Amino acid sequence: MEVMHERVAGLDVHKAMIVACVRLMSGGKVERECRTFETTTAGLLALLAWLTQSGCTQVAMEATGDIMGVSGRKMIEAMIGGLRNPVKLAELADRRIKATPKQLYDALHGRLTDHHRFMLKLYMEQYDALAKSIVEIDQVVDAAVSQMDKEVEAGQATFRALSGLLCTIPGVSTLSATTILAEIGTDMSRFPTAGHLLAWAGLCPGQNESAGKRKSSRLRKGAPWLKTMLVQCAWSAVKKKDSYYKAQFNRLRARGGAKKAICAVAASMLTAIYHMLKDGTQHHDLGAGHFDRRSTDIKAKRLVAQLTKLGFQVNLQPIKEAA
C-alpha cells in the first residue's frame, strides 16, 4: 500500500537562501505555502520554527552551491581542527571576498559539535578523493587524445584541433567539446545530413499524428550522454547577450515553455557542430536580430496566423497596390 504523508515540506537549498514549500492535506483539500529563509543560523532556526508550527513530519531537500573556494576550505579545515569562534573563523577569509564581516559572522555563528566535525572531515576526504580521481581521469583522456592525434592521416584535422574549434561555440567548454566528439566522432560522413545526426542524438520529436492533426510528442531517447551534455551547453549559450541562441530560446519559450525551447537550442547547436566538423567551417553566430531579418512573407504569415487565432479576418495588400 502506498504511504501518503499529510504534512510534508520540500527544501531547495542554495548558497545564500533556502526556498521552502509546505504541503498540507486536510479534509481532502491540499494547501501549499512557500517561504524563503537565509542560510544563517537565525534563518535556519526560523525555518525550523515554521516547519514545526506547520506540523511537518517529512522533509525532502535538494542542495546546490559551492563552498570549496580558498576561504571556504580554510574555514572548514579550521572547524575540523576544533575552532568554533565565528570571529576567528571569519578572519580566515580572503580580503577580496565580497561578503561583509557581518555576513561572515552570521554564516559562521552556530552550533558545531564533535559529530559535525567528524562529518565535515568525512566529506572533505570524499571531496579530495573525487578531485584526485578527476585529475587522474583527465590525464588518461589527454594521453588517449594525444595518441589518437598521432595516428591521424596527413591533411586530416586532429581531435584536439576539432575540440578547439567546437569551443568557439557559445556555451561549449573544453570538457563538453571532448564529450561531444567522443559521442559522435570526428567523421560526419556516417550521417548523410544534419537531420540524421539530430535523430540519432534524440533531439528530433517523434511523429505523433492522427486524422491529419499533429499531437504533442516527446523527444526520442537517442544518445543520453550526448543529449544531456548538449542541453547543459544550451543553458550556458542562452546566457550570452545578443546571441542567436538567446533570441531563439526566448522566442520559443513564449510558445512552448522552457524545456522545449532549450531542447530546440541544443538541436541548433548540434546542427552547427555537424557542419563545422563536416566542412571545417568556423562558428558564425547569426545574432539576436536574425528573426527580425527574415523574409517579409514569412513574418506576415506568422502575424496573420496570430490575428486569426484571436478571431480576426485579415486581408493583406501591399502598400503600393492599396494606394
C-alpha atoms as a PDB file:
ATOM      1  CA  MET A   1       0.000   0.000   0.000  1.00  0.00           C
ATOM      2  CA  GLU A   2       1.317   3.457  -0.925  1.00  0.00           C
ATOM      3  CA  VAL A   3       2.051   5.643   2.099  1.00  0.00           C
ATOM      4  CA  MET A   4       0.677   9.186   1.935  1.00  0.00           C
ATOM      5  CA  HIS A   5       2.007  11.851   4.293  1.00  0.00           C
ATOM      6  CA  GLU A   6      -0.454  14.624   5.110  1.00  0.00           C
ATOM      7  CA  ARG A   7       2.044  17.271   6.224  1.00  0.00           C
ATOM      8  CA  VAL A   8       5.297  17.475   4.255  1.00  0.00           C
ATOM      9  CA  ALA A   9       7.787  20.060   3.040  1.00  0.00           C
ATOM     10  CA  GLY A  10      10.369  20.427   0.291  1.00  0.00           C
ATOM     11  CA  LEU A  11      13.554  22.463   0.623  1.00  0.00           C
ATOM     12  CA  ASP A  12      15.634  23.891  -2.219  1.00  0.00           C
ATOM     13  CA  VAL A  13      18.932  24.834  -0.570  1.00  0.00           C
ATOM     14  CA  HIS A  14      21.058  27.472  -2.270  1.00  0.00           C
ATOM     15  CA  LYS A  15      24.220  29.219  -1.198  1.00  0.00           C
ATOM     16  CA  ALA A  16      22.561  32.211   0.465  1.00  0.00           C
ATOM     17  CA  MET A  17      18.934  31.167   0.821  1.00  0.00           C
ATOM     18  CA  ILE A  18      16.559  28.250   1.283  1.00  0.00           C
ATOM     19  CA  VAL A  19      13.247  28.110  -0.540  1.00  0.00           C
ATOM     20  CA  ALA A  20      10.805  26.005   1.470  1.00  0.00           C
ATOM     21  CA  CYS A  21       7.388  24.789   0.377  1.00  0.00           C
ATOM     22  CA  VAL A  22       4.930  23.234   2.824  1.00  0.00           C
ATOM     23  CA  ARG A  23       2.166  20.950   1.556  1.00  0.00           C
ATOM     24  CA  LEU A  24      -0.699  20.284   3.942  1.00  0.00           C
ATOM     25  CA  MET A  25      -3.642  17.957   3.311  1.00  0.00           C
ATOM     26  CA  SER A  26      -6.838  18.412   5.295  1.00  0.00           C
ATOM     27  CA  GLY A  27     -10.335  17.186   4.529  1.00  0.00           C
ATOM     28  CA  GLY A  28      -9.373  16.109   1.027  1.00  0.00           C
ATOM     29  CA  LYS A  29      -8.034  19.578   0.176  1.00  0.00           C
ATOM     30  CA  VAL A  30      -4.384  20.438  -0.386  1.00  0.00           C
ATOM     31  CA  GLU A  31      -2.861  23.730   0.717  1.00  0.00           C
ATOM     32  CA  ARG A  32       0.612  24.936  -0.274  1.00  0.00           C
ATOM     33  CA  GLU A  33       2.735  27.774   1.029  1.00  0.00           C
ATOM     34  CA  CYS A  34       6.270  28.793   0.060  1.00  0.00           C
ATOM     35  CA  ARG A  35       8.682  30.926   2.050  1.00  0.00           C
ATOM     36  CA  THR A  36      12.327  31.943   1.694  1.00  0.00           C
ATOM     37  CA  PHE A  37      14.874  31.843   4.514  1.00  0.00           C
ATOM     38  CA  GLU A  38      18.513  32.850   4.831  1.00  0.00           C
ATOM     39  CA  THR A  39      21.115  30.120   5.306  1.00  0.00           C
ATOM     40  CA  THR A  40      22.386  31.739   8.501  1.00  0.00           C
ATOM     41  CA  THR A  41      21.776  30.205  11.923  1.00  0.00           C
ATOM     42  CA  ALA A  42      18.953  32.675  12.566  1.00  0.00           C
ATOM     43  CA  GLY A  43      17.391  31.813   9.222  1.00  0.00           C
ATOM     44  CA  LEU A  44      17.628  28.078   9.874  1.00  0.00           C
ATOM     45  CA  LEU A  45      16.014  28.480  13.293  1.00  0.00           C
ATOM     46  CA  ALA A  46      13.175  30.456  11.710  1.00  0.00           C
ATOM     47  CA  LEU A  47      12.746  27.687   9.136  1.00  0.00           C
ATOM     48  CA  LEU A  48      12.665  25.065  11.891  1.00  0.00           C
ATOM     49  CA  ALA A  49      10.031  27.022  13.793  1.00  0.00           C
ATOM     50  CA  TRP A  50       7.813  27.317  10.701  1.00  0.00           C
ATOM     51  CA  LEU A  51       8.086  23.619   9.843  1.00  0.00           C
ATOM     52  CA  THR A  52       7.332  22.687  13.448  1.00  0.00           C
ATOM     53  CA  GLN A  53       4.348  25.025  13.570  1.00  0.00           C
ATOM     54  CA  SER A  54       3.059  23.511  10.323  1.00  0.00           C
ATOM     55  CA  GLY A  55       3.343  20.028  11.803  1.00  0.00           C
ATOM     56  CA  CYS A  56       5.519  18.635   9.008  1.00  0.00           C
ATOM     57  CA  THR A  57       6.520  15.006   9.534  1.00  0.00           C
ATOM     58  CA  GLN A  58       8.622  14.534   6.379  1.00  0.00           C
ATOM     59  CA  VAL A  59      11.044  16.932   4.680  1.00  0.00           C
ATOM     60  CA  ALA A  60      12.825  16.411   1.316  1.00  0.00           C
ATOM     61  CA  MET A  61      15.861  18.500   0.437  1.00  0.00           C
ATOM     62  CA  GLU A  62      17.821  19.391  -2.663  1.00  0.00           C
ATOM     63  CA  ALA A  63      21.104  21.187  -2.108  1.00  0.00           C
ATOM     64  CA  THR A  64      23.296  23.086  -4.573  1.00  0.00           C
ATOM     65  CA  GLY A  65      26.178  25.512  -4.177  1.00  0.00           C
ATOM     66  CA  ASP A  66      29.947  25.552  -3.961  1.00  0.00           C
ATOM     67  CA  ILE A  67      31.760  26.364  -0.707  1.00  0.00           C
ATOM     68  CA  MET A  68      35.120  24.885  -1.719  1.00  0.00           C
ATOM     69  CA  GLY A  69      36.863  28.152  -2.508  1.00  0.00           C
ATOM     70  CA  VAL A  70      40.152  29.084  -0.846  1.00  0.00           C
ATOM     71  CA  SER A  71      38.465  30.898   2.048  1.00  0.00           C
ATOM     72  CA  GLY A  72      35.766  28.260   2.482  1.00  0.00           C
ATOM     73  CA  ARG A  73      38.294  25.444   2.653  1.00  0.00           C
ATOM     74  CA  LYS A  74      40.393  27.260   5.253  1.00  0.00           C
ATOM     75  CA  MET A  75      37.327  27.778   7.431  1.00  0.00           C
ATOM     76  CA  ILE A  76      36.178  24.172   7.123  1.00  0.00           C
ATOM     77  CA  GLU A  77      39.639  22.838   7.959  1.00  0.00           C
ATOM     78  CA  ALA A  78      39.734  25.146  10.999  1.00  0.00           C
ATOM     79  CA  MET A  79      36.328  23.836  12.106  1.00  0.00           C
ATOM     80  CA  ILE A  80      37.551  20.265  11.750  1.00  0.00           C
ATOM     81  CA  GLY A  81      40.514  21.221  13.917  1.00  0.00           C
ATOM     82  CA  GLY A  82      38.167  22.415  16.658  1.00  0.00           C
ATOM     83  CA  LEU A  83      37.930  26.189  16.090  1.00  0.00           C
ATOM     84  CA  ARG A  84      34.402  27.370  16.909  1.00  0.00           C
ATOM     85  CA  ASN A  85      34.789  31.141  17.377  1.00  0.00           C
ATOM     86  CA  PRO A  86      32.943  32.806  14.431  1.00  0.00           C
ATOM     87  CA  VAL A  87      35.089  35.937  14.644  1.00  0.00           C
ATOM     88  CA  LYS A  88      38.347  33.994  14.315  1.00  0.00           C
ATOM     89  CA  LEU A  89      36.841  31.857  11.549  1.00  0.00           C
ATOM     90  CA  ALA A  90      35.795  34.992   9.650  1.00  0.00           C
ATOM     91  CA  GLU A  91      39.376  36.293   9.870  1.00  0.00           C
ATOM     92  CA  LEU A  92      40.448  33.379   7.661  1.00  0.00           C
ATOM     93  CA  ALA A  93      38.538  34.852   4.731  1.00  0.00           C
ATOM     94  CA  ASP A  94      40.499  36.349   1.870  1.00  0.00           C
ATOM     95  CA  ARG A  95      40.475  40.154   1.771  1.00  0.00           C
ATOM     96  CA  ARG A  96      39.000  40.090  -1.717  1.00  0.00           C
ATOM     97  CA  ILE A  97      35.902  38.183  -0.612  1.00  0.00           C
ATOM     98  CA  LYS A  98      32.655  40.065  -1.297  1.00  0.00           C
ATOM     99  CA  ALA A  99      30.902  39.141   1.964  1.00  0.00           C
ATOM    100  CA  THR A 100      30.978  41.729   4.744  1.00  0.00           C
ATOM    101  CA  PRO A 101      32.302  40.847   8.233  1.00  0.00           C
ATOM    102  CA  LYS A 102      28.691  40.885   9.498  1.00  0.00           C
ATOM    103  CA  GLN A 103      27.601  38.421   6.803  1.00  0.00           C
ATOM    104  CA  LEU A 104      30.538  36.152   7.590  1.00  0.00           C
ATOM    105  CA  TYR A 105      29.748  36.249  11.288  1.00  0.00           C
ATOM    106  CA  ASP A 106      26.081  35.394  10.696  1.00  0.00           C
ATOM    107  CA  ALA A 107      27.073  32.496   8.431  1.00  0.00           C
ATOM    108  CA  LEU A 108      29.664  31.093  10.838  1.00  0.00           C
ATOM    109  CA  HIS A 109      27.782  31.649  14.087  1.00  0.00           C
ATOM    110  CA  GLY A 110      26.099  28.416  15.095  1.00  0.00           C
ATOM    111  CA  ARG A 111      26.390  25.082  16.872  1.00  0.00           C
ATOM    112  CA  LEU A 112      29.424  22.942  15.983  1.00  0.00           C
ATOM    113  CA  THR A 113      29.506  19.573  17.752  1.00  0.00           C
ATOM    114  CA  ASP A 114      32.049  16.769  17.589  1.00  0.00           C
ATOM    115  CA  HIS A 115      29.660  14.880  15.332  1.00  0.00           C
ATOM    116  CA  HIS A 116      29.572  17.840  12.933  1.00  0.00           C
ATOM    117  CA  ARG A 117      33.369  17.959  12.906  1.00  0.00           C
ATOM    118  CA  PHE A 118      33.534  14.245  12.144  1.00  0.00           C
ATOM    119  CA  MET A 119      31.083  14.590   9.245  1.00  0.00           C
ATOM    120  CA  LEU A 120      32.979  17.603   7.866  1.00  0.00           C
ATOM    121  CA  LYS A 121      36.203  15.613   7.953  1.00  0.00           C
ATOM    122  CA  LEU A 122      34.498  12.689   6.212  1.00  0.00           C
ATOM    123  CA  TYR A 123      33.027  14.898   3.473  1.00  0.00           C
ATOM    124  CA  MET A 124      36.343  16.699   2.955  1.00  0.00           C
ATOM    125  CA  GLU A 125      38.140  13.387   2.476  1.00  0.00           C
ATOM    126  CA  GLN A 126      35.491  12.272  -0.037  1.00  0.00           C
ATOM    127  CA  TYR A 127      35.784  15.585  -1.892  1.00  0.00           C
ATOM    128  CA  ASP A 128      39.576  15.320  -2.089  1.00  0.00           C
ATOM    129  CA  ALA A 129      39.362  11.696  -3.265  1.00  0.00           C
ATOM    130  CA  LEU A 130      36.913  12.618  -6.040  1.00  0.00           C
ATOM    131  CA  ALA A 131      39.033  15.615  -7.052  1.00  0.00           C
ATOM    132  CA  LYS A 132      42.078  13.357  -7.291  1.00  0.00           C
ATOM    133  CA  SER A 133      40.152  10.845  -9.413  1.00  0.00           C
ATOM    134  CA  ILE A 134      39.038  13.614 -11.775  1.00  0.00           C
ATOM    135  CA  VAL A 135      42.650  14.721 -12.247  1.00  0.00           C
ATOM    136  CA  GLU A 136      43.720  11.139 -12.996  1.00  0.00           C
ATOM    137  CA  ILE A 137      40.869  10.672 -15.491  1.00  0.00           C
ATOM    138  CA  ASP A 138      41.768  13.942 -17.222  1.00  0.00           C
ATOM    139  CA  GLN A 139      45.360  12.748 -17.559  1.00  0.00           C
ATOM    140  CA  VAL A 140      44.273   9.423 -19.081  1.00  0.00           C
ATOM    141  CA  VAL A 141      41.910  11.172 -21.512  1.00  0.00           C
ATOM    142  CA  ASP A 142      44.619  13.653 -22.505  1.00  0.00           C
ATOM    143  CA  ALA A 143      47.055  10.787 -23.187  1.00  0.00           C
ATOM    144  CA  ALA A 144      44.429   8.959 -25.275  1.00  0.00           C
ATOM    145  CA  VAL A 145      43.721  12.085 -27.325  1.00  0.00           C
ATOM    146  CA  SER A 146      47.437  12.617 -27.930  1.00  0.00           C
ATOM    147  CA  GLN A 147      47.768   9.024 -29.137  1.00  0.00           C
ATOM    148  CA  MET A 148      44.784   9.400 -31.487  1.00  0.00           C
ATOM    149  CA  ASP A 149      46.186  12.625 -32.916  1.00  0.00           C
ATOM    150  CA  LYS A 150      49.467  10.854 -33.739  1.00  0.00           C
ATOM    151  CA  GLU A 151      47.548   8.331 -35.829  1.00  0.00           C
ATOM    152  CA  VAL A 152      45.625  10.945 -37.838  1.00  0.00           C
ATOM    153  CA  GLU A 153      46.434  10.911 -41.535  1.00  0.00           C
ATOM    154  CA  ALA A 154      48.111  13.901 -43.128  1.00  0.00           C
ATOM    155  CA  GLY A 155      45.649  16.617 -44.071  1.00  0.00           C
ATOM    156  CA  GLN A 156      43.064  15.460 -41.537  1.00  0.00           C
ATOM    157  CA  ALA A 157      42.119  17.582 -38.529  1.00  0.00           C
ATOM    158  CA  THR A 158      43.204  16.211 -35.171  1.00  0.00           C
ATOM    159  CA  PHE A 159      40.841  15.507 -32.287  1.00  0.00           C
ATOM    160  CA  ARG A 160      42.389  18.321 -30.269  1.00  0.00           C
ATOM    161  CA  ALA A 161      42.056  20.793 -33.145  1.00  0.00           C
ATOM    162  CA  LEU A 162      38.384  19.913 -33.621  1.00  0.00           C
ATOM    163  CA  SER A 163      37.812  20.210 -29.894  1.00  0.00           C
ATOM    164  CA  GLY A 164      39.255  23.717 -30.010  1.00  0.00           C
ATOM    165  CA  LEU A 165      37.006  24.502 -32.973  1.00  0.00           C
ATOM    166  CA  LEU A 166      33.886  23.482 -31.064  1.00  0.00           C
ATOM    167  CA  CYS A 167      34.965  25.620 -28.122  1.00  0.00           C
ATOM    168  CA  THR A 168      34.259  28.697 -30.261  1.00  0.00           C
ATOM    169  CA  ILE A 169      30.547  27.924 -29.905  1.00  0.00           C
ATOM    170  CA  PRO A 170      28.910  29.840 -27.029  1.00  0.00           C
ATOM    171  CA  GLY A 171      28.346  27.556 -24.056  1.00  0.00           C
ATOM    172  CA  VAL A 172      30.805  24.858 -25.173  1.00  0.00           C
ATOM    173  CA  SER A 173      33.833  24.259 -22.938  1.00  0.00           C
ATOM    174  CA  THR A 174      36.833  22.000 -23.449  1.00  0.00           C
ATOM    175  CA  LEU A 175      35.189  19.260 -21.373  1.00  0.00           C
ATOM    176  CA  SER A 176      31.879  19.444 -23.231  1.00  0.00           C
ATOM    177  CA  ALA A 177      33.629  19.582 -26.623  1.00  0.00           C
ATOM    178  CA  THR A 178      35.631  16.463 -25.737  1.00  0.00           C
ATOM    179  CA  THR A 179      32.462  14.693 -24.604  1.00  0.00           C
ATOM    180  CA  ILE A 180      30.558  15.630 -27.769  1.00  0.00           C
ATOM    181  CA  LEU A 181      33.361  14.431 -30.042  1.00  0.00           C
ATOM    182  CA  ALA A 182      33.685  11.220 -28.029  1.00  0.00           C
ATOM    183  CA  GLU A 183      29.973  10.551 -28.620  1.00  0.00           C
ATOM    184  CA  ILE A 184      29.564  11.487 -32.294  1.00  0.00           C
ATOM    185  CA  GLY A 185      33.125  11.042 -33.566  1.00  0.00           C
ATOM    186  CA  THR A 186      35.028  13.326 -35.895  1.00  0.00           C
ATOM    187  CA  ASP A 187      33.852  11.826 -39.212  1.00  0.00           C
ATOM    188  CA  MET A 188      30.443  13.193 -40.202  1.00  0.00           C
ATOM    189  CA  SER A 189      30.231  11.117 -43.386  1.00  0.00           C
ATOM    190  CA  ARG A 190      28.333   8.478 -41.413  1.00  0.00           C
ATOM    191  CA  PHE A 191      25.420  10.924 -41.160  1.00  0.00           C
ATOM    192  CA  PRO A 192      24.004  11.903 -44.598  1.00  0.00           C
ATOM    193  CA  THR A 193      22.508  15.117 -43.209  1.00  0.00           C
ATOM    194  CA  ALA A 194      22.399  17.111 -40.005  1.00  0.00           C
ATOM    195  CA  GLY A 195      18.856  15.806 -39.538  1.00  0.00           C
ATOM    196  CA  HIS A 196      20.167  12.231 -39.349  1.00  0.00           C
ATOM    197  CA  LEU A 197      22.566  13.270 -36.588  1.00  0.00           C
ATOM    198  CA  LEU A 198      19.780  15.029 -34.698  1.00  0.00           C
ATOM    199  CA  ALA A 199      17.572  11.948 -34.953  1.00  0.00           C
ATOM    200  CA  TRP A 200      20.386   9.687 -33.739  1.00  0.00           C
ATOM    201  CA  ALA A 201      21.060  12.029 -30.823  1.00  0.00           C
ATOM    202  CA  GLY A 202      17.380  12.030 -29.849  1.00  0.00           C
ATOM    203  CA  LEU A 203      16.799  15.735 -30.428  1.00  0.00           C
ATOM    204  CA  CYS A 204      14.026  15.232 -33.011  1.00  0.00           C
ATOM    205  CA  PRO A 205      10.477  14.865 -31.644  1.00  0.00           C
ATOM    206  CA  GLY A 206       8.751  11.628 -32.582  1.00  0.00           C
ATOM    207  CA  GLN A 207       5.927  11.641 -35.119  1.00  0.00           C
ATOM    208  CA  ASN A 208       2.518  11.520 -33.420  1.00  0.00           C
ATOM    209  CA  GLU A 209      -0.180  12.302 -35.960  1.00  0.00           C
ATOM    210  CA  SER A 210      -3.822  11.272 -36.029  1.00  0.00           C
ATOM    211  CA  ALA A 211      -6.518  12.243 -38.557  1.00  0.00           C
ATOM    212  CA  GLY A 212      -4.168  14.749 -40.118  1.00  0.00           C
ATOM    213  CA  LYS A 213      -3.532  16.519 -36.817  1.00  0.00           C
ATOM    214  CA  ARG A 214      -0.136  16.569 -35.157  1.00  0.00           C
ATOM    215  CA  LYS A 215      -0.216  15.874 -31.434  1.00  0.00           C
ATOM    216  CA  SER A 216       2.302  16.702 -28.779  1.00  0.00           C
ATOM    217  CA  SER A 217       5.196  14.248 -28.732  1.00  0.00           C
ATOM    218  CA  ARG A 218       8.285  13.734 -26.615  1.00  0.00           C
ATOM    219  CA  LEU A 219      11.866  13.572 -27.779  1.00  0.00           C
ATOM    220  CA  ARG A 220      13.299  10.182 -28.582  1.00  0.00           C
ATOM    221  CA  LYS A 221      15.714   8.549 -26.164  1.00  0.00           C
ATOM    222  CA  GLY A 222      18.643   8.751 -28.558  1.00  0.00           C
ATOM    223  CA  ALA A 223      22.125   9.120 -27.092  1.00  0.00           C
ATOM    224  CA  PRO A 224      21.529  10.035 -23.427  1.00  0.00           C
ATOM    225  CA  TRP A 225      25.052  11.245 -22.607  1.00  0.00           C
ATOM    226  CA  LEU A 226      25.248  13.388 -25.720  1.00  0.00           C
ATOM    227  CA  LYS A 227      21.792  14.870 -25.255  1.00  0.00           C
ATOM    228  CA  THR A 228      22.450  15.695 -21.608  1.00  0.00           C
ATOM    229  CA  MET A 229      25.717  17.441 -22.442  1.00  0.00           C
ATOM    230  CA  LEU A 230      24.153  19.430 -25.294  1.00  0.00           C
ATOM    231  CA  VAL A 231      21.309  20.621 -23.075  1.00  0.00           C
ATOM    232  CA  GLN A 232      23.843  21.771 -20.466  1.00  0.00           C
ATOM    233  CA  CYS A 233      25.739  23.641 -23.178  1.00  0.00           C
ATOM    234  CA  ALA A 234      22.480  25.170 -24.384  1.00  0.00           C
ATOM    235  CA  TRP A 235      21.689  26.559 -20.935  1.00  0.00           C
ATOM    236  CA  SER A 236      25.085  28.265 -20.948  1.00  0.00           C
ATOM    237  CA  ALA A 237      24.686  29.503 -24.528  1.00  0.00           C
ATOM    238  CA  VAL A 238      21.361  31.257 -23.909  1.00  0.00           C
ATOM    239  CA  LYS A 239      23.021  33.441 -21.275  1.00  0.00           C
ATOM    240  CA  LYS A 240      25.171  35.194 -23.854  1.00  0.00           C
ATOM    241  CA  LYS A 241      23.795  38.617 -24.729  1.00  0.00           C
ATOM    242  CA  ASP A 242      22.805  39.480 -28.297  1.00  0.00           C
ATOM    243  CA  SER A 243      23.255  35.889 -29.488  1.00  0.00           C
ATOM    244  CA  TYR A 244      21.099  33.814 -31.824  1.00  0.00           C
ATOM    245  CA  TYR A 245      20.688  31.089 -29.216  1.00  0.00           C
ATOM    246  CA  LYS A 246      19.363  33.537 -26.619  1.00  0.00           C
ATOM    247  CA  ALA A 247      16.911  35.004 -29.126  1.00  0.00           C
ATOM    248  CA  GLN A 248      15.796  31.544 -30.229  1.00  0.00           C
ATOM    249  CA  PHE A 249      15.253  30.428 -26.633  1.00  0.00           C
ATOM    250  CA  ASN A 250      13.204  33.496 -25.694  1.00  0.00           C
ATOM    251  CA  ARG A 251      11.122  33.184 -28.847  1.00  0.00           C
ATOM    252  CA  LEU A 252      10.287  29.501 -28.350  1.00  0.00           C
ATOM    253  CA  ARG A 253       9.864  29.674 -24.583  1.00  0.00           C
ATOM    254  CA  ALA A 254       6.908  32.022 -25.007  1.00  0.00           C
ATOM    255  CA  ARG A 255       5.122  29.428 -27.143  1.00  0.00           C
ATOM    256  CA  GLY A 256       6.082  26.042 -25.724  1.00  0.00           C
ATOM    257  CA  GLY A 257       7.842  26.534 -22.404  1.00  0.00           C
ATOM    258  CA  ALA A 258      11.462  26.495 -21.284  1.00  0.00           C
ATOM    259  CA  LYS A 259      12.059  22.738 -21.627  1.00  0.00           C
ATOM    260  CA  LYS A 260      11.044  22.559 -25.270  1.00  0.00           C
ATOM    261  CA  ALA A 261      12.867  25.781 -26.019  1.00  0.00           C
ATOM    262  CA  ILE A 262      16.173  24.621 -24.522  1.00  0.00           C
ATOM    263  CA  CYS A 263      15.974  21.318 -26.425  1.00  0.00           C
ATOM    264  CA  ALA A 264      15.463  23.296 -29.630  1.00  0.00           C
ATOM    265  CA  VAL A 265      18.550  25.366 -28.846  1.00  0.00           C
ATOM    266  CA  ALA A 266      20.518  22.161 -28.206  1.00  0.00           C
ATOM    267  CA  ALA A 267      19.354  20.878 -31.610  1.00  0.00           C
ATOM    268  CA  SER A 268      20.501  24.103 -33.275  1.00  0.00           C
ATOM    269  CA  MET A 269      23.906  23.802 -31.621  1.00  0.00           C
ATOM    270  CA  LEU A 270      24.270  20.183 -32.789  1.00  0.00           C
ATOM    271  CA  THR A 271      23.320  21.262 -36.320  1.00  0.00           C
ATOM    272  CA  ALA A 272      26.086  23.865 -36.207  1.00  0.00           C
ATOM    273  CA  ILE A 273      28.516  21.250 -34.873  1.00  0.00           C
ATOM    274  CA  TYR A 274      27.661  18.913 -37.739  1.00  0.00           C
ATOM    275  CA  HIS A 275      28.514  21.498 -40.403  1.00  0.00           C
ATOM    276  CA  MET A 276      31.634  22.670 -38.575  1.00  0.00           C
ATOM    277  CA  LEU A 277      33.002  19.122 -38.419  1.00  0.00           C
ATOM    278  CA  LYS A 278      31.928  18.220 -41.943  1.00  0.00           C
ATOM    279  CA  ASP A 279      33.076  21.371 -43.736  1.00  0.00           C
ATOM    280  CA  GLY A 280      35.717  22.662 -41.320  1.00  0.00           C
ATOM    281  CA  THR A 281      33.912  25.984 -41.052  1.00  0.00           C
ATOM    282  CA  GLN A 282      34.090  28.390 -38.141  1.00  0.00           C
ATOM    283  CA  HIS A 283      31.082  29.019 -35.948  1.00  0.00           C
ATOM    284  CA  HIS A 284      29.101  32.053 -37.019  1.00  0.00           C
ATOM    285  CA  ASP A 285      26.548  33.480 -34.616  1.00  0.00           C
ATOM    286  CA  LEU A 286      23.539  34.774 -36.562  1.00  0.00           C
ATOM    287  CA  GLY A 287      22.874  37.347 -33.861  1.00  0.00           C
ATOM    288  CA  ALA A 288      19.825  38.273 -31.813  1.00  0.00           C
ATOM    289  CA  GLY A 289      18.288  40.151 -34.750  1.00  0.00           C
ATOM    290  CA  HIS A 290      18.213  37.107 -37.055  1.00  0.00           C
ATOM    291  CA  PHE A 291      14.484  36.526 -36.694  1.00  0.00           C
ATOM    292  CA  ASP A 292      13.748  40.178 -37.463  1.00  0.00           C
ATOM    293  CA  ARG A 293      15.720  39.939 -40.716  1.00  0.00           C
ATOM    294  CA  ARG A 294      13.704  37.043 -42.106  1.00  0.00           C
ATOM    295  CA  SER A 295      11.657  37.488 -45.299  1.00  0.00           C
ATOM    296  CA  THR A 296       8.625  39.756 -45.166  1.00  0.00           C
ATOM    297  CA  ASP A 297       6.297  36.989 -46.359  1.00  0.00           C
ATOM    298  CA  ILE A 298       7.246  34.652 -43.523  1.00  0.00           C
ATOM    299  CA  LYS A 299       6.741  37.341 -40.892  1.00  0.00           C
ATOM    300  CA  ALA A 300       3.443  38.405 -42.472  1.00  0.00           C
ATOM    301  CA  LYS A 301       2.099  34.845 -42.436  1.00  0.00           C
ATOM    302  CA  ARG A 302       3.032  34.427 -38.801  1.00  0.00           C
ATOM    303  CA  LEU A 303       1.314  37.674 -37.811  1.00  0.00           C
ATOM    304  CA  VAL A 304      -1.800  36.802 -39.811  1.00  0.00           C
ATOM    305  CA  ALA A 305      -1.958  33.415 -38.111  1.00  0.00           C
ATOM    306  CA  GLN A 306      -1.806  35.108 -34.708  1.00  0.00           C
ATOM    307  CA  LEU A 307      -4.608  37.521 -35.616  1.00  0.00           C
ATOM    308  CA  THR A 308      -6.725  34.650 -36.969  1.00  0.00           C
ATOM    309  CA  LYS A 309      -6.407  32.809 -33.657  1.00  0.00           C
ATOM    310  CA  LEU A 310      -7.710  35.960 -31.957  1.00  0.00           C
ATOM    311  CA  GLY A 311     -10.845  35.837 -34.144  1.00  0.00           C
ATOM    312  CA  PHE A 312      -9.967  38.413 -36.810  1.00  0.00           C
ATOM    313  CA  GLN A 313     -10.205  38.011 -40.579  1.00  0.00           C
ATOM    314  CA  VAL A 314      -7.220  39.567 -42.286  1.00  0.00           C
ATOM    315  CA  ASN A 315      -6.781  40.568 -45.926  1.00  0.00           C
ATOM    316  CA  LEU A 316      -3.312  41.860 -46.716  1.00  0.00           C
ATOM    317  CA  GLN A 317      -2.413  44.141 -49.576  1.00  0.00           C
ATOM    318  CA  PRO A 318       0.979  45.685 -50.354  1.00  0.00           C
ATOM    319  CA  ILE A 319       1.094  49.433 -49.746  1.00  0.00           C
ATOM    320  CA  LYS A 320       1.671  50.278 -53.404  1.00  0.00           C
ATOM    321  CA  GLU A 321      -1.362  48.282 -54.583  1.00  0.00           C
ATOM    322  CA  ALA A 322      -3.536  49.655 -51.770  1.00  0.00           C
ATOM    323  CA  ALA A 323      -2.657  53.203 -52.800  1.00  0.00           C
END
